[in-house]
Amino acid sequence: GVYPDTNKRVLEAIDFVKYGFGFFVLSMLLLWIVGFLVIYPVVGFPEGILEQATQVLQSTAAK
């Protein structure tokens, strides 16, 4: 549609890019926050994953 007094379009194509990108960033932020604050305390990491990751990092750093 168009505004009747100015004859300008209500929505331009760039509006979808601007607001779409902002909405995407906000939704990803919300997803990570929910993941770490809700899902992680319930499910948790597998046992021993931190020790295994430390060993892998130390073995690759020594080479």
N, C-alpha and C. Protein backbone atom coordinates (compact mmCIF):
# COMPACT_ATOMS: atom_id res chain seq x y z
N GLY A 1 0.80 -1.17 0.00
CA GLY A 1 0.00 0.00 0.00
C GLY A 1 0.86 1.25 0.00
N VAL A 2 0.20 2.38 -0.18
CA VAL A 2 0.88 3.67 -0.19
C VAL A 2 0.18 4.61 0.79
N TYR A 3 0.96 5.58 1.29
CA TYR A 3 0.37 6.63 2.12
C TYR A 3 -0.41 7.56 1.22
N PRO A 4 -1.66 7.88 1.55
CA PRO A 4 -2.48 8.70 0.66
C PRO A 4 -2.00 10.14 0.54
N ASP A 5 -1.38 10.69 1.60
CA ASP A 5 -0.99 12.10 1.53
C ASP A 5 0.33 12.31 0.80
N THR A 6 1.28 11.36 0.91
CA THR A 6 2.59 11.54 0.27
C THR A 6 2.79 10.65 -0.94
N ASN A 7 1.95 9.65 -1.13
CA ASN A 7 2.07 8.69 -2.23
C ASN A 7 3.34 7.84 -2.13
N LYS A 8 3.95 7.78 -0.92
CA LYS A 8 5.12 6.93 -0.72
C LYS A 8 4.67 5.54 -0.31
N ARG A 9 5.48 4.54 -0.64
CA ARG A 9 5.16 3.17 -0.24
C ARG A 9 5.27 3.02 1.27
N VAL A 10 4.42 2.18 1.83
CA VAL A 10 4.47 1.90 3.26
C VAL A 10 5.71 1.07 3.58
N LEU A 11 6.00 0.08 2.76
CA LEU A 11 7.18 -0.78 2.94
C LEU A 11 8.05 -0.71 1.70
N GLU A 12 9.34 -0.51 1.92
CA GLU A 12 10.31 -0.59 0.83
C GLU A 12 11.00 -1.94 0.94
N ALA A 13 11.67 -2.35 -0.13
CA ALA A 13 12.35 -3.65 -0.12
C ALA A 13 13.47 -3.68 0.92
N ILE A 14 14.16 -2.56 1.12
CA ILE A 14 15.27 -2.53 2.06
C ILE A 14 14.79 -2.71 3.50
N ASP A 15 13.52 -2.40 3.78
CA ASP A 15 12.98 -2.59 5.12
C ASP A 15 13.03 -4.05 5.54
N PHE A 16 12.79 -4.96 4.60
CA PHE A 16 12.85 -6.38 4.91
C PHE A 16 14.27 -6.79 5.29
N VAL A 17 15.26 -6.20 4.64
CA VAL A 17 16.66 -6.51 4.94
C VAL A 17 17.02 -5.95 6.31
N LYS A 18 16.70 -4.67 6.55
CA LYS A 18 17.05 -4.02 7.82
C LYS A 18 16.41 -4.74 9.00
N TYR A 19 15.11 -4.86 8.98
CA TYR A 19 14.41 -5.43 10.12
C TYR A 19 14.58 -6.94 10.17
N GLY A 20 14.73 -7.57 9.03
CA GLY A 20 14.96 -9.01 9.01
C GLY A 20 16.29 -9.38 9.64
N PHE A 21 17.34 -8.60 9.35
CA PHE A 21 18.65 -8.87 9.94
C PHE A 21 18.61 -8.65 11.45
N GLY A 22 17.98 -7.58 11.87
CA GLY A 22 17.86 -7.32 13.31
C GLY A 22 17.08 -8.41 14.02
N PHE A 23 16.00 -8.84 13.41
CA PHE A 23 15.20 -9.92 13.99
C PHE A 23 16.00 -11.21 14.06
N PHE A 24 16.80 -11.49 13.03
CA PHE A 24 17.63 -12.69 13.00
C PHE A 24 18.66 -12.67 14.13
N VAL A 25 19.32 -11.54 14.32
CA VAL A 25 20.33 -11.42 15.38
C VAL A 25 19.68 -11.59 16.75
N LEU A 26 18.54 -10.94 16.96
CA LEU A 26 17.84 -11.08 18.24
C LEU A 26 17.38 -12.51 18.50
N SER A 27 16.91 -13.18 17.46
CA SER A 27 16.44 -14.55 17.66
C SER A 27 17.60 -15.50 17.95
N MET A 28 18.75 -15.29 17.31
CA MET A 28 19.93 -16.11 17.59
C MET A 28 20.42 -15.87 19.02
N LEU A 29 20.40 -14.61 19.44
CA LEU A 29 20.81 -14.28 20.81
C LEU A 29 19.88 -14.96 21.82
N LEU A 30 18.60 -14.90 21.56
CA LEU A 30 17.63 -15.54 22.44
C LEU A 30 17.84 -17.05 22.47
N LEU A 31 18.14 -17.63 21.31
CA LEU A 31 18.37 -19.07 21.23
C LEU A 31 19.56 -19.49 22.09
N TRP A 32 20.66 -18.74 22.01
CA TRP A 32 21.86 -19.07 22.80
C TRP A 32 21.60 -18.86 24.29
N ILE A 33 20.88 -17.80 24.64
CA ILE A 33 20.58 -17.55 26.05
C ILE A 33 19.72 -18.68 26.61
N VAL A 34 18.70 -19.07 25.88
CA VAL A 34 17.85 -20.17 26.32
C VAL A 34 18.66 -21.46 26.41
N GLY A 35 19.53 -21.67 25.43
CA GLY A 35 20.35 -22.88 25.44
C GLY A 35 21.23 -22.99 26.66
N PHE A 36 21.89 -21.90 27.01
CA PHE A 36 22.83 -21.96 28.13
C PHE A 36 22.15 -21.84 29.48
N LEU A 37 21.08 -21.09 29.58
CA LEU A 37 20.46 -20.88 30.88
C LEU A 37 19.38 -21.91 31.22
N VAL A 38 18.81 -22.54 30.20
CA VAL A 38 17.73 -23.48 30.46
C VAL A 38 18.14 -24.91 30.14
N ILE A 39 18.63 -25.15 28.94
CA ILE A 39 18.91 -26.52 28.52
C ILE A 39 20.19 -27.05 29.16
N TYR A 40 21.25 -26.24 29.23
CA TYR A 40 22.52 -26.73 29.79
C TYR A 40 22.40 -27.19 31.24
N PRO A 41 21.74 -26.44 32.13
CA PRO A 41 21.61 -26.95 33.51
C PRO A 41 20.79 -28.24 33.60
N VAL A 42 19.86 -28.44 32.68
CA VAL A 42 19.03 -29.65 32.73
C VAL A 42 19.79 -30.84 32.16
N VAL A 43 20.39 -30.67 30.98
CA VAL A 43 21.04 -31.78 30.29
C VAL A 43 22.51 -31.89 30.69
N GLY A 44 23.23 -30.76 30.65
CA GLY A 44 24.64 -30.75 31.02
C GLY A 44 25.52 -31.31 29.92
N PHE A 45 26.82 -31.19 30.13
CA PHE A 45 27.78 -31.75 29.19
C PHE A 45 28.04 -33.21 29.56
N PRO A 46 28.49 -34.03 28.60
CA PRO A 46 28.84 -35.42 28.93
C PRO A 46 29.99 -35.46 29.94
N GLU A 47 30.04 -36.50 30.72
CA GLU A 47 31.09 -36.66 31.73
C GLU A 47 32.45 -36.77 31.07
N GLY A 48 33.43 -36.06 31.61
CA GLY A 48 34.79 -36.17 31.12
C GLY A 48 35.10 -35.39 29.87
N ILE A 49 34.17 -34.60 29.35
CA ILE A 49 34.40 -33.88 28.10
C ILE A 49 35.46 -32.80 28.27
N LEU A 50 35.50 -32.16 29.43
CA LEU A 50 36.48 -31.10 29.67
C LEU A 50 37.89 -31.67 29.71
N GLU A 51 38.08 -32.79 30.39
CA GLU A 51 39.39 -33.42 30.47
C GLU A 51 39.86 -33.88 29.10
N GLN A 52 38.94 -34.45 28.32
CA GLN A 52 39.29 -34.93 26.98
C GLN A 52 39.68 -33.76 26.08
N ALA A 53 38.96 -32.67 26.15
CA ALA A 53 39.28 -31.49 25.34
C ALA A 53 40.63 -30.92 25.74
N THR A 54 40.93 -30.92 27.03
CA THR A 54 42.22 -30.42 27.51
C THR A 54 43.35 -31.28 26.97
N GLN A 55 43.19 -32.59 26.98
CA GLN A 55 44.22 -33.50 26.46
C GLN A 55 44.44 -33.27 24.97
N VAL A 56 43.37 -33.11 24.22
CA VAL A 56 43.49 -32.89 22.77
C VAL A 56 44.22 -31.59 22.49
N LEU A 57 43.87 -30.53 23.21
CA LEU A 57 44.53 -29.24 23.00
C LEU A 57 46.00 -29.31 23.37
N GLN A 58 46.35 -30.01 24.44
CA GLN A 58 47.74 -30.12 24.85
C GLN A 58 48.54 -30.95 23.86
N SER A 59 47.94 -32.00 23.31
CA SER A 59 48.67 -32.86 22.37
C SER A 59 48.90 -32.15 21.04
N THR A 60 47.96 -31.32 20.60
CA THR A 60 48.17 -30.59 19.34
C THR A 60 49.11 -29.41 19.54
N ALA A 61 49.14 -28.83 20.73
CA ALA A 61 50.03 -27.70 20.98
C ALA A 61 51.48 -28.16 21.10
N ALA A 62 51.71 -29.40 21.50
CA ALA A 62 53.07 -29.91 21.69
C ALA A 62 53.75 -30.20 20.36
N LYS A 63 52.98 -30.39 19.30
CA LYS A 63 53.57 -30.74 18.00
C LYS A 63 54.18 -29.54 17.31
